[in-house]
Amino acid sequence: MTAPAANRLDLIFAALADPTRRRVLSMLLEDDMAVSDVASPFEMSLAAISKHLSVLATAGLIRQERRGRITWCMLDPEGMRAASVWMQGFGQFDPVDLDDFERFLEAQISEWNEE
């Protein structure tokens, strides 16, 4: 992975690490929203929401567009592509059979108890 691609992933995952930003992304899944509408369900200042929006925009997860005096926010579907492609790389492994794993652990514990 190239350094710019790694930096992009860092920005995306850092943006997704915050529950407020994840909630904003969920809201924007429904429709484009004005910044003031994004801010309304949160108990924080407009400046604080603007900082969250800036992090999301820097990570490429949303776009902001000025229409007259109102700034609109919209989800950028391409923004998650880098993270999605990276995570799909881990899909090449077989899923863990938890029942099998539990039986293995029980057998190990039984052996330790017998010693």
PDB file of N, CA and C in Angstrom:
ATOM      1  N   MET A   1       0.848  -1.176   0.000  1.00  0.00           N
ATOM      2  CA  MET A   1       0.000   0.000   0.000  1.00  0.00           C
ATOM      3  C   MET A   1       0.891   1.236   0.000  1.00  0.00           C
ATOM      4  N   THR A   2       0.559   2.180  -0.846  1.00  0.00           N
ATOM      5  CA  THR A   2       1.344   3.397  -0.939  1.00  0.00           C
ATOM      6  C   THR A   2       1.061   4.301   0.251  1.00  0.00           C
ATOM      7  N   ALA A   3       1.975   5.218   0.510  1.00  0.00           N
ATOM      8  CA  ALA A   3       1.813   6.138   1.641  1.00  0.00           C
ATOM      9  C   ALA A   3       0.545   6.984   1.514  1.00  0.00           C
ATOM     10  N   PRO A   4       0.237   7.550   0.326  1.00  0.00           N
ATOM     11  CA  PRO A   4      -1.003   8.322   0.229  1.00  0.00           C
ATOM     12  C   PRO A   4      -2.247   7.476   0.507  1.00  0.00           C
ATOM     13  N   ALA A   5      -2.245   6.227   0.050  1.00  0.00           N
ATOM     14  CA  ALA A   5      -3.398   5.356   0.291  1.00  0.00           C
ATOM     15  C   ALA A   5      -3.520   5.050   1.778  1.00  0.00           C
ATOM     16  N   ALA A   6      -2.395   4.816   2.440  1.00  0.00           N
ATOM     17  CA  ALA A   6      -2.407   4.545   3.880  1.00  0.00           C
ATOM     18  C   ALA A   6      -2.893   5.783   4.642  1.00  0.00           C
ATOM     19  N   ASN A   7      -2.436   6.958   4.221  1.00  0.00           N
ATOM     20  CA  ASN A   7      -2.884   8.198   4.871  1.00  0.00           C
ATOM     21  C   ASN A   7      -4.388   8.388   4.696  1.00  0.00           C
ATOM     22  N   ARG A   8      -4.895   8.067   3.526  1.00  0.00           N
ATOM     23  CA  ARG A   8      -6.337   8.189   3.266  1.00  0.00           C
ATOM     24  C   ARG A   8      -7.119   7.258   4.182  1.00  0.00           C
ATOM     25  N   LEU A   9      -6.643   6.012   4.321  1.00  0.00           N
ATOM     26  CA  LEU A   9      -7.297   5.071   5.230  1.00  0.00           C
ATOM     27  C   LEU A   9      -7.269   5.581   6.663  1.00  0.00           C
ATOM     28  N   ASP A  10      -6.140   6.158   7.071  1.00  0.00           N
ATOM     29  CA  ASP A  10      -6.040   6.717   8.423  1.00  0.00           C
ATOM     30  C   ASP A  10      -7.093   7.794   8.639  1.00  0.00           C
ATOM     31  N   LEU A  11      -7.259   8.661   7.646  1.00  0.00           N
ATOM     32  CA  LEU A  11      -8.256   9.733   7.754  1.00  0.00           C
ATOM     33  C   LEU A  11      -9.673   9.171   7.839  1.00  0.00           C
ATOM     34  N   ILE A  12      -9.952   8.168   7.013  1.00  0.00           N
ATOM     35  CA  ILE A  12     -11.293   7.569   6.995  1.00  0.00           C
ATOM     36  C   ILE A  12     -11.602   6.906   8.328  1.00  0.00           C
ATOM     37  N   PHE A  13     -10.684   6.061   8.803  1.00  0.00           N
ATOM     38  CA  PHE A  13     -10.959   5.343  10.047  1.00  0.00           C
ATOM     39  C   PHE A  13     -10.966   6.277  11.253  1.00  0.00           C
ATOM     40  N   ALA A  14     -10.152   7.317  11.235  1.00  0.00           N
ATOM     41  CA  ALA A  14     -10.188   8.304  12.324  1.00  0.00           C
ATOM     42  C   ALA A  14     -11.537   9.020  12.330  1.00  0.00           C
ATOM     43  N   ALA A  15     -12.045   9.341  11.147  1.00  0.00           N
ATOM     44  CA  ALA A  15     -13.354  10.003  11.060  1.00  0.00           C
ATOM     45  C   ALA A  15     -14.458   9.074  11.555  1.00  0.00           C
ATOM     46  N   LEU A  16     -14.364   7.794  11.211  1.00  0.00           N
ATOM     47  CA  LEU A  16     -15.393   6.825  11.608  1.00  0.00           C
ATOM     48  C   LEU A  16     -15.298   6.428  13.080  1.00  0.00           C
ATOM     49  N   ALA A  17     -14.196   6.740  13.723  1.00  0.00           N
ATOM     50  CA  ALA A  17     -14.005   6.346  15.120  1.00  0.00           C
ATOM     51  C   ALA A  17     -14.918   7.111  16.075  1.00  0.00           C
ATOM     52  N   ASP A  18     -15.414   8.243  15.637  1.00  0.00           N
ATOM     53  CA  ASP A  18     -16.234   9.077  16.518  1.00  0.00           C
ATOM     54  C   ASP A  18     -17.724   8.782  16.326  1.00  0.00           C
ATOM     55  N   PRO A  19     -18.471   8.511  17.404  1.00  0.00           N
ATOM     56  CA  PRO A  19     -19.897   8.184  17.266  1.00  0.00           C
ATOM     57  C   PRO A  19     -20.742   9.334  16.705  1.00  0.00           C
ATOM     58  N   THR A  20     -20.367  10.560  16.992  1.00  0.00           N
ATOM     59  CA  THR A  20     -21.114  11.699  16.439  1.00  0.00           C
ATOM     60  C   THR A  20     -20.989  11.720  14.925  1.00  0.00           C
ATOM     61  N   ARG A  21     -19.791  11.500  14.436  1.00  0.00           N
ATOM     62  CA  ARG A  21     -19.574  11.518  12.981  1.00  0.00           C
ATOM     63  C   ARG A  21     -20.278  10.345  12.310  1.00  0.00           C
ATOM     64  N   ARG A  22     -20.289   9.181  12.960  1.00  0.00           N
ATOM     65  CA  ARG A  22     -21.026   8.045  12.386  1.00  0.00           C
ATOM     66  C   ARG A  22     -22.515   8.358  12.328  1.00  0.00           C
ATOM     67  N   ARG A  23     -23.026   9.024  13.343  1.00  0.00           N
ATOM     68  CA  ARG A  23     -24.448   9.396  13.345  1.00  0.00           C
ATOM     69  C   ARG A  23     -24.749  10.399  12.226  1.00  0.00           C
ATOM     70  N   VAL A  24     -23.849  11.343  12.031  1.00  0.00           N
ATOM     71  CA  VAL A  24     -24.018  12.315  10.941  1.00  0.00           C
ATOM     72  C   VAL A  24     -24.071  11.580   9.603  1.00  0.00           C
ATOM     73  N   LEU A  25     -23.168  10.622   9.399  1.00  0.00           N
ATOM     74  CA  LEU A  25     -23.172   9.857   8.151  1.00  0.00           C
ATOM     75  C   LEU A  25     -24.492   9.114   7.972  1.00  0.00           C
ATOM     76  N   SER A  26     -25.022   8.559   9.048  1.00  0.00           N
ATOM     77  CA  SER A  26     -26.316   7.863   8.974  1.00  0.00           C
ATOM     78  C   SER A  26     -27.426   8.825   8.580  1.00  0.00           C
ATOM     79  N   MET A  27     -27.378  10.025   9.124  1.00  0.00           N
ATOM     80  CA  MET A  27     -28.391  11.033   8.783  1.00  0.00           C
ATOM     81  C   MET A  27     -28.301  11.399   7.304  1.00  0.00           C
ATOM     82  N   LEU A  28     -27.067  11.514   6.800  1.00  0.00           N
ATOM     83  CA  LEU A  28     -26.874  11.916   5.404  1.00  0.00           C
ATOM     84  C   LEU A  28     -27.191  10.796   4.428  1.00  0.00           C
ATOM     85  N   LEU A  29     -27.303   9.571   4.927  1.00  0.00           N
ATOM     86  CA  LEU A  29     -27.756   8.470   4.071  1.00  0.00           C
ATOM     87  C   LEU A  29     -29.172   8.722   3.580  1.00  0.00           C
ATOM     88  N   GLU A  30     -29.949   9.378   4.419  1.00  0.00           N
ATOM     89  CA  GLU A  30     -31.355   9.651   4.096  1.00  0.00           C
ATOM     90  C   GLU A  30     -31.499  10.731   3.029  1.00  0.00           C
ATOM     91  N   ASP A  31     -30.734  11.816   3.177  1.00  0.00           N
ATOM     92  CA  ASP A  31     -30.874  12.949   2.251  1.00  0.00           C
ATOM     93  C   ASP A  31     -29.780  13.971   2.521  1.00  0.00           C
ATOM     94  N   ASP A  32     -29.555  14.864   1.566  1.00  0.00           N
ATOM     95  CA  ASP A  32     -28.660  16.000   1.786  1.00  0.00           C
ATOM     96  C   ASP A  32     -29.273  16.874   2.866  1.00  0.00           C
ATOM     97  N   MET A  33     -28.416  17.535   3.653  1.00  0.00           N
ATOM     98  CA  MET A  33     -28.922  18.367   4.737  1.00  0.00           C
ATOM     99  C   MET A  33     -28.117  19.649   4.850  1.00  0.00           C
ATOM    100  N   ALA A  34     -28.788  20.697   5.280  1.00  0.00           N
ATOM    101  CA  ALA A  34     -28.108  21.943   5.611  1.00  0.00           C
ATOM    102  C   ALA A  34     -27.353  21.727   6.921  1.00  0.00           C
ATOM    103  N   VAL A  35     -26.254  22.444   7.096  1.00  0.00           N
ATOM    104  CA  VAL A  35     -25.455  22.302   8.312  1.00  0.00           C
ATOM    105  C   VAL A  35     -26.314  22.500   9.556  1.00  0.00           C
ATOM    106  N   SER A  36     -27.196  23.477   9.540  1.00  0.00           N
ATOM    107  CA  SER A  36     -28.046  23.733  10.713  1.00  0.00           C
ATOM    108  C   SER A  36     -28.964  22.541  11.003  1.00  0.00           C
ATOM    109  N   ASP A  37     -29.424  21.852   9.959  1.00  0.00           N
ATOM    110  CA  ASP A  37     -30.258  20.662  10.156  1.00  0.00           C
ATOM    111  C   ASP A  37     -29.447  19.492  10.698  1.00  0.00           C
ATOM    112  N   VAL A  38     -28.207  19.382  10.253  1.00  0.00           N
ATOM    113  CA  VAL A  38     -27.325  18.347  10.786  1.00  0.00           C
ATOM    114  C   VAL A  38     -27.109  18.585  12.277  1.00  0.00           C
ATOM    115  N   ALA A  39     -26.940  19.840  12.646  1.00  0.00           N
ATOM    116  CA  ALA A  39     -26.626  20.188  14.031  1.00  0.00           C
ATOM    117  C   ALA A  39     -27.814  20.028  14.980  1.00  0.00           C
ATOM    118  N   SER A  40     -29.032  20.158  14.471  1.00  0.00           N
ATOM    119  CA  SER A  40     -30.202  20.236  15.359  1.00  0.00           C
ATOM    120  C   SER A  40     -30.382  19.063  16.328  1.00  0.00           C
ATOM    121  N   PRO A  41     -30.124  17.804  15.975  1.00  0.00           N
ATOM    122  CA  PRO A  41     -30.344  16.741  16.968  1.00  0.00           C
ATOM    123  C   PRO A  41     -29.243  16.623  18.033  1.00  0.00           C
ATOM    124  N   PHE A  42     -28.166  17.353  17.867  1.00  0.00           N
ATOM    125  CA  PHE A  42     -27.033  17.232  18.783  1.00  0.00           C
ATOM    126  C   PHE A  42     -27.042  18.354  19.817  1.00  0.00           C
ATOM    127  N   GLU A  43     -26.606  18.019  21.005  1.00  0.00           N
ATOM    128  CA  GLU A  43     -26.499  19.028  22.060  1.00  0.00           C
ATOM    129  C   GLU A  43     -25.077  19.575  22.080  1.00  0.00           C
ATOM    130  N   MET A  44     -24.731  20.261  21.007  1.00  0.00           N
ATOM    131  CA  MET A  44     -23.416  20.895  20.911  1.00  0.00           C
ATOM    132  C   MET A  44     -23.539  22.110  20.010  1.00  0.00           C
ATOM    133  N   SER A  45     -22.538  22.935  20.055  1.00  0.00           N
ATOM    134  CA  SER A  45     -22.580  24.182  19.293  1.00  0.00           C
ATOM    135  C   SER A  45     -22.465  23.911  17.794  1.00  0.00           C
ATOM    136  N   LEU A  46     -22.886  24.902  17.027  1.00  0.00           N
ATOM    137  CA  LEU A  46     -22.754  24.821  15.574  1.00  0.00           C
ATOM    138  C   LEU A  46     -21.276  24.724  15.182  1.00  0.00           C
ATOM    139  N   ALA A  47     -20.415  25.399  15.953  1.00  0.00           N
ATOM    140  CA  ALA A  47     -18.970  25.337  15.684  1.00  0.00           C
ATOM    141  C   ALA A  47     -18.440  23.916  15.883  1.00  0.00           C
ATOM    142  N   ALA A  48     -18.916  23.228  16.914  1.00  0.00           N
ATOM    143  CA  ALA A  48     -18.466  21.849  17.170  1.00  0.00           C
ATOM    144  C   ALA A  48     -18.921  20.918  16.050  1.00  0.00           C
ATOM    145  N   ILE A  49     -20.171  21.072  15.607  1.00  0.00           N
ATOM    146  CA  ILE A  49     -20.664  20.252  14.492  1.00  0.00           C
ATOM    147  C   ILE A  49     -19.870  20.560  13.229  1.00  0.00           C
ATOM    148  N   SER A  50     -19.556  21.827  13.026  1.00  0.00           N
ATOM    149  CA  SER A  50     -18.769  22.212  11.846  1.00  0.00           C
ATOM    150  C   SER A  50     -17.408  21.532  11.844  1.00  0.00           C
ATOM    151  N   LYS A  51     -16.805  21.370  13.025  1.00  0.00           N
ATOM    152  CA  LYS A  51     -15.513  20.674  13.102  1.00  0.00           C
ATOM    153  C   LYS A  51     -15.681  19.200  12.724  1.00  0.00           C
ATOM    154  N   HIS A  52     -16.760  18.575  13.201  1.00  0.00           N
ATOM    155  CA  HIS A  52     -17.023  17.184  12.829  1.00  0.00           C
ATOM    156  C   HIS A  52     -17.216  17.062  11.317  1.00  0.00           C
ATOM    157  N   LEU A  53     -17.964  18.000  10.749  1.00  0.00           N
ATOM    158  CA  LEU A  53     -18.202  17.990   9.303  1.00  0.00           C
ATOM    159  C   LEU A  53     -16.900  18.185   8.529  1.00  0.00           C
ATOM    160  N   SER A  54     -16.026  19.014   9.061  1.00  0.00           N
ATOM    161  CA  SER A  54     -14.733  19.247   8.421  1.00  0.00           C
ATOM    162  C   SER A  54     -13.897  17.970   8.412  1.00  0.00           C
ATOM    163  N   VAL A  55     -13.922  17.216   9.509  1.00  0.00           N
ATOM    164  CA  VAL A  55     -13.189  15.941   9.567  1.00  0.00           C
ATOM    165  C   VAL A  55     -13.746  14.972   8.530  1.00  0.00           C
ATOM    166  N   LEU A  56     -15.074  14.896   8.438  1.00  0.00           N
ATOM    167  CA  LEU A  56     -15.707  14.013   7.461  1.00  0.00           C
ATOM    168  C   LEU A  56     -15.374  14.426   6.031  1.00  0.00           C
ATOM    169  N   ALA A  57     -15.353  15.730   5.782  1.00  0.00           N
ATOM    170  CA  ALA A  57     -15.031  16.232   4.440  1.00  0.00           C
ATOM    171  C   ALA A  57     -13.564  15.972   4.094  1.00  0.00           C
ATOM    172  N   THR A  58     -12.668  16.190   5.044  1.00  0.00           N
ATOM    173  CA  THR A  58     -11.247  15.946   4.819  1.00  0.00           C
ATOM    174  C   THR A  58     -10.994  14.472   4.517  1.00  0.00           C
ATOM    175  N   ALA A  59     -11.751  13.591   5.169  1.00  0.00           N
ATOM    176  CA  ALA A  59     -11.621  12.150   4.926  1.00  0.00           C
ATOM    177  C   ALA A  59     -12.269  11.743   3.607  1.00  0.00           C
ATOM    178  N   GLY A  60     -13.013  12.657   2.983  1.00  0.00           N
ATOM    179  CA  GLY A  60     -13.657  12.362   1.706  1.00  0.00           C
ATOM    180  C   GLY A  60     -14.976  11.623   1.854  1.00  0.00           C
ATOM    181  N   LEU A  61     -15.537  11.600   3.060  1.00  0.00           N
ATOM    182  CA  LEU A  61     -16.786  10.875   3.291  1.00  0.00           C
ATOM    183  C   LEU A  61     -18.021  11.706   2.981  1.00  0.00           C
ATOM    184  N   ILE A  62     -17.875  13.027   3.040  1.00  0.00           N
ATOM    185  CA  ILE A  62     -18.976  13.922   2.667  1.00  0.00           C
ATOM    186  C   ILE A  62     -18.429  15.035   1.784  1.00  0.00           C
ATOM    187  N   ARG A  63     -19.355  15.701   1.112  1.00  0.00           N
ATOM    188  CA  ARG A  63     -19.032  16.918   0.368  1.00  0.00           C
ATOM    189  C   ARG A  63     -19.888  18.034   0.942  1.00  0.00           C
ATOM    190  N   GLN A  64     -19.374  19.234   0.886  1.00  0.00           N
ATOM    191  CA  GLN A  64     -20.149  20.395   1.307  1.00  0.00           C
ATOM    192  C   GLN A  64     -20.248  21.353   0.133  1.00  0.00           C
ATOM    193  N   GLU A  65     -21.417  21.927  -0.009  1.00  0.00           N
ATOM    194  CA  GLU A  65     -21.679  22.807  -1.144  1.00  0.00           C
ATOM    195  C   GLU A  65     -22.445  24.030  -0.646  1.00  0.00           C
ATOM    196  N   ARG A  66     -21.992  25.165  -1.069  1.00  0.00           N
ATOM    197  CA  ARG A  66     -22.642  26.424  -0.692  1.00  0.00           C
ATOM    198  C   ARG A  66     -23.738  26.725  -1.702  1.00  0.00           C
ATOM    199  N   ARG A  67     -24.966  26.906  -1.218  1.00  0.00           N
ATOM    200  CA  ARG A  67     -26.093  27.321  -2.066  1.00  0.00           C
ATOM    201  C   ARG A  67     -26.684  28.569  -1.437  1.00  0.00           C
ATOM    202  N   GLY A  68     -26.347  29.678  -2.019  1.00  0.00           N
ATOM    203  CA  GLY A  68     -26.762  30.952  -1.421  1.00  0.00           C
ATOM    204  C   GLY A  68     -26.046  31.131  -0.099  1.00  0.00           C
ATOM    205  N   ARG A  69     -26.816  31.360   0.964  1.00  0.00           N
ATOM    206  CA  ARG A  69     -26.212  31.544   2.289  1.00  0.00           C
ATOM    207  C   ARG A  69     -26.146  30.243   3.088  1.00  0.00           C
ATOM    208  N   ILE A  70     -26.596  29.156   2.513  1.00  0.00           N
ATOM    209  CA  ILE A  70     -26.686  27.891   3.241  1.00  0.00           C
ATOM    210  C   ILE A  70     -25.639  26.904   2.726  1.00  0.00           C
ATOM    211  N   THR A  71     -24.968  26.251   3.662  1.00  0.00           N
ATOM    212  CA  THR A  71     -24.023  25.194   3.311  1.00  0.00           C
ATOM    213  C   THR A  71     -24.732  23.861   3.460  1.00  0.00           C
ATOM    214  N   TRP A  72     -24.724  23.098   2.375  1.00  0.00           N
ATOM    215  CA  TRP A  72     -25.375  21.788   2.343  1.00  0.00           C
ATOM    216  C   TRP A  72     -24.316  20.707   2.463  1.00  0.00           C
ATOM    217  N   CYS A  73     -24.684  19.619   3.120  1.00  0.00           N
ATOM    218  CA  CYS A  73     -23.798  18.471   3.278  1.00  0.00           C
ATOM    219  C   CYS A  73     -24.426  17.292   2.564  1.00  0.00           C
ATOM    220  N   MET A  74     -23.596  16.530   1.876  1.00  0.00           N
ATOM    221  CA  MET A  74     -24.089  15.335   1.201  1.00  0.00           C
ATOM    222  C   MET A  74     -23.057  14.230   1.339  1.00  0.00           C
ATOM    223  N   LEU A  75     -23.549  13.028   1.433  1.00  0.00           N
ATOM    224  CA  LEU A  75     -22.692  11.859   1.510  1.00  0.00           C
ATOM    225  C   LEU A  75     -21.943  11.710   0.194  1.00  0.00           C
ATOM    226  N   ASP A  76     -20.679  11.358   0.257  1.00  0.00           N
ATOM    227  CA  ASP A  76     -19.900  11.089  -0.948  1.00  0.00           C
ATOM    228  C   ASP A  76     -19.712   9.577  -1.046  1.00  0.00           C
ATOM    229  N   PRO A  77     -20.462   8.910  -1.908  1.00  0.00           N
ATOM    230  CA  PRO A  77     -20.406   7.446  -1.968  1.00  0.00           C
ATOM    231  C   PRO A  77     -19.016   6.892  -2.278  1.00  0.00           C
ATOM    232  N   GLU A  78     -18.216   7.645  -2.987  1.00  0.00           N
ATOM    233  CA  GLU A  78     -16.863   7.201  -3.317  1.00  0.00           C
ATOM    234  C   GLU A  78     -15.939   7.251  -2.102  1.00  0.00           C
ATOM    235  N   GLY A  79     -16.331   8.003  -1.083  1.00  0.00           N
ATOM    236  CA  GLY A  79     -15.469   8.209   0.078  1.00  0.00           C
ATOM    237  C   GLY A  79     -15.109   6.952   0.828  1.00  0.00           C
ATOM    238  N   MET A  80     -16.030   6.010   0.884  1.00  0.00           N
ATOM    239  CA  MET A  80     -15.787   4.771   1.632  1.00  0.00           C
ATOM    240  C   MET A  80     -15.076   3.708   0.794  1.00  0.00           C
ATOM    241  N   ARG A  81     -14.921   3.951  -0.483  1.00  0.00           N
ATOM    242  CA  ARG A  81     -14.374   2.923  -1.376  1.00  0.00           C
ATOM    243  C   ARG A  81     -13.013   2.412  -0.910  1.00  0.00           C
ATOM    244  N   ALA A  82     -12.100   3.293  -0.548  1.00  0.00           N
ATOM    245  CA  ALA A  82     -10.755   2.867  -0.135  1.00  0.00           C
ATOM    246  C   ALA A  82     -10.829   1.959   1.085  1.00  0.00           C
ATOM    247  N   ALA A  83     -11.654   2.323   2.059  1.00  0.00           N
ATOM    248  CA  ALA A  83     -11.789   1.496   3.265  1.00  0.00           C
ATOM    249  C   ALA A  83     -12.459   0.175   2.928  1.00  0.00           C
ATOM    250  N   SER A  84     -13.450   0.217   2.073  1.00  0.00           N
ATOM    251  CA  SER A  84     -14.169  -0.995   1.696  1.00  0.00           C
ATOM    252  C   SER A  84     -13.247  -1.974   0.970  1.00  0.00           C
ATOM    253  N   VAL A  85     -12.467  -1.469   0.035  1.00  0.00           N
ATOM    254  CA  VAL A  85     -11.528  -2.313  -0.713  1.00  0.00           C
ATOM    255  C   VAL A  85     -10.508  -2.914   0.244  1.00  0.00           C
ATOM    256  N   TRP A  86     -10.000  -2.112   1.167  1.00  0.00           N
ATOM    257  CA  TRP A  86      -9.020  -2.599   2.133  1.00  0.00           C
ATOM    258  C   TRP A  86      -9.623  -3.702   3.002  1.00  0.00           C
ATOM    259  N   MET A  87     -10.843  -3.500   3.485  1.00  0.00           N
ATOM    260  CA  MET A  87     -11.486  -4.490   4.358  1.00  0.00           C
ATOM    261  C   MET A  87     -11.839  -5.764   3.593  1.00  0.00           C
ATOM    262  N   GLN A  88     -12.181  -5.645   2.315  1.00  0.00           N
ATOM    263  CA  GLN A  88     -12.510  -6.827   1.523  1.00  0.00           C
ATOM    264  C   GLN A  88     -11.307  -7.748   1.380  1.00  0.00           C
ATOM    265  N   GLY A  89     -10.112  -7.186   1.487  1.00  0.00           N
ATOM    266  CA  GLY A  89      -8.908  -7.999   1.428  1.00  0.00           C
ATOM    267  C   GLY A  89      -8.855  -9.031   2.542  1.00  0.00           C
ATOM    268  N   PHE A  90      -9.527  -8.754   3.634  1.00  0.00           N
ATOM    269  CA  PHE A  90      -9.550  -9.694   4.743  1.00  0.00           C
ATOM    270  C   PHE A  90     -10.619 -10.762   4.557  1.00  0.00           C
ATOM    271  N   GLY A  91     -11.481 -10.588   3.579  1.00  0.00           N
ATOM    272  CA  GLY A  91     -12.538 -11.550   3.317  1.00  0.00           C
ATOM    273  C   GLY A  91     -12.038 -12.838   2.682  1.00  0.00           C
ATOM    274  N   GLN A  92     -10.758 -12.885   2.318  1.00  0.00           N
ATOM    275  CA  GLN A  92     -10.217 -14.079   1.682  1.00  0.00           C
ATOM    276  C   GLN A  92     -10.027 -15.233   2.662  1.00  0.00           C
ATOM    277  N   PHE A  93     -10.120 -14.923   3.958  1.00  0.00           N
ATOM    278  CA  PHE A  93      -9.947 -15.961   4.961  1.00  0.00           C
ATOM    279  C   PHE A  93     -11.290 -16.608   5.268  1.00  0.00           C
ATOM    280  N   ASP A  94     -11.241 -17.890   5.587  1.00  0.00           N
ATOM    281  CA  ASP A  94     -12.469 -18.582   5.961  1.00  0.00           C
ATOM    282  C   ASP A  94     -12.976 -18.034   7.281  1.00  0.00           C
ATOM    283  N   PRO A  95     -14.289 -17.928   7.420  1.00  0.00           N
ATOM    284  CA  PRO A  95     -14.824 -17.470   8.700  1.00  0.00           C
ATOM    285  C   PRO A  95     -14.537 -18.491   9.795  1.00  0.00           C
ATOM    286  N   VAL A  96     -14.382 -17.990  10.997  1.00  0.00           N
ATOM    287  CA  VAL A  96     -14.085 -18.862  12.129  1.00  0.00           C
ATOM    288  C   VAL A  96     -15.372 -19.562  12.556  1.00  0.00           C
ATOM    289  N   ASP A  97     -15.282 -20.891  12.729  1.00  0.00           N
ATOM    290  CA  ASP A  97     -16.411 -21.663  13.234  1.00  0.00           C
ATOM    291  C   ASP A  97     -16.351 -21.585  14.756  1.00  0.00           C
ATOM    292  N   LEU A  98     -17.223 -20.768  15.352  1.00  0.00           N
ATOM    293  CA  LEU A  98     -17.166 -20.535  16.790  1.00  0.00           C
ATOM    294  C   LEU A  98     -17.514 -21.783  17.592  1.00  0.00           C
ATOM    295  N   ASP A  99     -18.393 -22.631  17.066  1.00  0.00           N
ATOM    296  CA  ASP A  99     -18.710 -23.881  17.766  1.00  0.00           C
ATOM    297  C   ASP A  99     -17.475 -24.770  17.838  1.00  0.00           C
ATOM    298  N   ASP A 100     -16.765 -24.848  16.735  1.00  0.00           N
ATOM    299  CA  ASP A 100     -15.533 -25.637  16.684  1.00  0.00           C
ATOM    300  C   ASP A 100     -14.505 -25.071  17.660  1.00  0.00           C
ATOM    301  N   PHE A 101     -14.399 -23.750  17.689  1.00  0.00           N
ATOM    302  CA  PHE A 101     -13.453 -23.083  18.573  1.00  0.00           C
ATOM    303  C   PHE A 101     -13.817 -23.334  20.036  1.00  0.00           C
ATOM    304  N   GLU A 102     -15.109 -23.301  20.354  1.00  0.00           N
ATOM    305  CA  GLU A 102     -15.564 -23.558  21.722  1.00  0.00           C
ATOM    306  C   GLU A 102     -15.214 -24.990  22.139  1.00  0.00           C
ATOM    307  N   ARG A 103     -15.426 -25.955  21.255  1.00  0.00           N
ATOM    308  CA  ARG A 103     -15.072 -27.342  21.557  1.00  0.00           C
ATOM    309  C   ARG A 103     -13.568 -27.481  21.803  1.00  0.00           C
ATOM    310  N   PHE A 104     -12.772 -26.785  21.000  1.00  0.00           N
ATOM    311  CA  PHE A 104     -11.323 -26.811  21.174  1.00  0.00           C
ATOM    312  C   PHE A 104     -10.944 -26.265  22.555  1.00  0.00           C
ATOM    313  N   LEU A 105     -11.546 -25.117  22.924  1.00  0.00           N
ATOM    314  CA  LEU A 105     -11.237 -24.526  24.234  1.00  0.00           C
ATOM    315  C   LEU A 105     -11.653 -25.444  25.372  1.00  0.00           C
ATOM    316  N   GLU A 106     -12.830 -26.061  25.260  1.00  0.00           N
ATOM    317  CA  GLU A 106     -13.291 -26.985  26.302  1.00  0.00           C
ATOM    318  C   GLU A 106     -12.327 -28.155  26.449  1.00  0.00           C
ATOM    319  N   ALA A 107     -11.838 -28.681  25.337  1.00  0.00           N
ATOM    320  CA  ALA A 107     -10.880 -29.791  25.377  1.00  0.00           C
ATOM    321  C   ALA A 107      -9.582 -29.346  26.047  1.00  0.00           C
ATOM    322  N   GLN A 108      -9.131 -28.144  25.727  1.00  0.00           N
ATOM    323  CA  GLN A 108      -7.900 -27.627  26.327  1.00  0.00           C
ATOM    324  C   GLN A 108      -8.063 -27.450  27.833  1.00  0.00           C
ATOM    325  N   ILE A 109      -9.178 -26.907  28.240  1.00  0.00           N
ATOM    326  CA  ILE A 109      -9.433 -26.684  29.670  1.00  0.00           C
ATOM    327  C   ILE A 109      -9.510 -28.019  30.399  1.00  0.00           C
ATOM    328  N   SER A 110     -10.154 -28.987  29.796  1.00  0.00           N
ATOM    329  CA  SER A 110     -10.238 -30.331  30.397  1.00  0.00           C
ATOM    330  C   SER A 110      -8.851 -30.917  30.589  1.00  0.00           C
ATOM    331  N   GLU A 111      -8.000 -30.772  29.588  1.00  0.00           N
ATOM    332  CA  GLU A 111      -6.625 -31.288  29.681  1.00  0.00           C
ATOM    333  C   GLU A 111      -5.873 -30.597  30.803  1.00  0.00           C
ATOM    334  N   TRP A 112      -6.025 -29.294  30.928  1.00  0.00           N
ATOM    335  CA  TRP A 112      -5.319 -28.544  31.976  1.00  0.00           C
ATOM    336  C   TRP A 112      -5.815 -28.954  33.353  1.00  0.00           C
ATOM    337  N   ASN A 113      -7.121 -29.192  33.472  1.00  0.00           N
ATOM    338  CA  ASN A 113      -7.684 -29.595  34.767  1.00  0.00           C
ATOM    339  C   ASN A 113      -7.230 -30.984  35.167  1.00  0.00           C
ATOM    340  N   GLU A 114      -6.956 -31.863  34.198  1.00  0.00           N
ATOM    341  CA  GLU A 114      -6.529 -33.240  34.487  1.00  0.00           C
ATOM    342  C   GLU A 114      -5.068 -33.290  34.930  1.00  0.00           C
ATOM    343  N   GLU A 115      -4.292 -32.304  34.554  1.00  0.00           N
ATOM    344  CA  GLU A 115      -2.851 -32.281  34.891  1.00  0.00           C
ATOM    345  C   GLU A 115      -2.612 -32.015  36.335  1.00  0.00           C
TER     346      GLU A 115
END
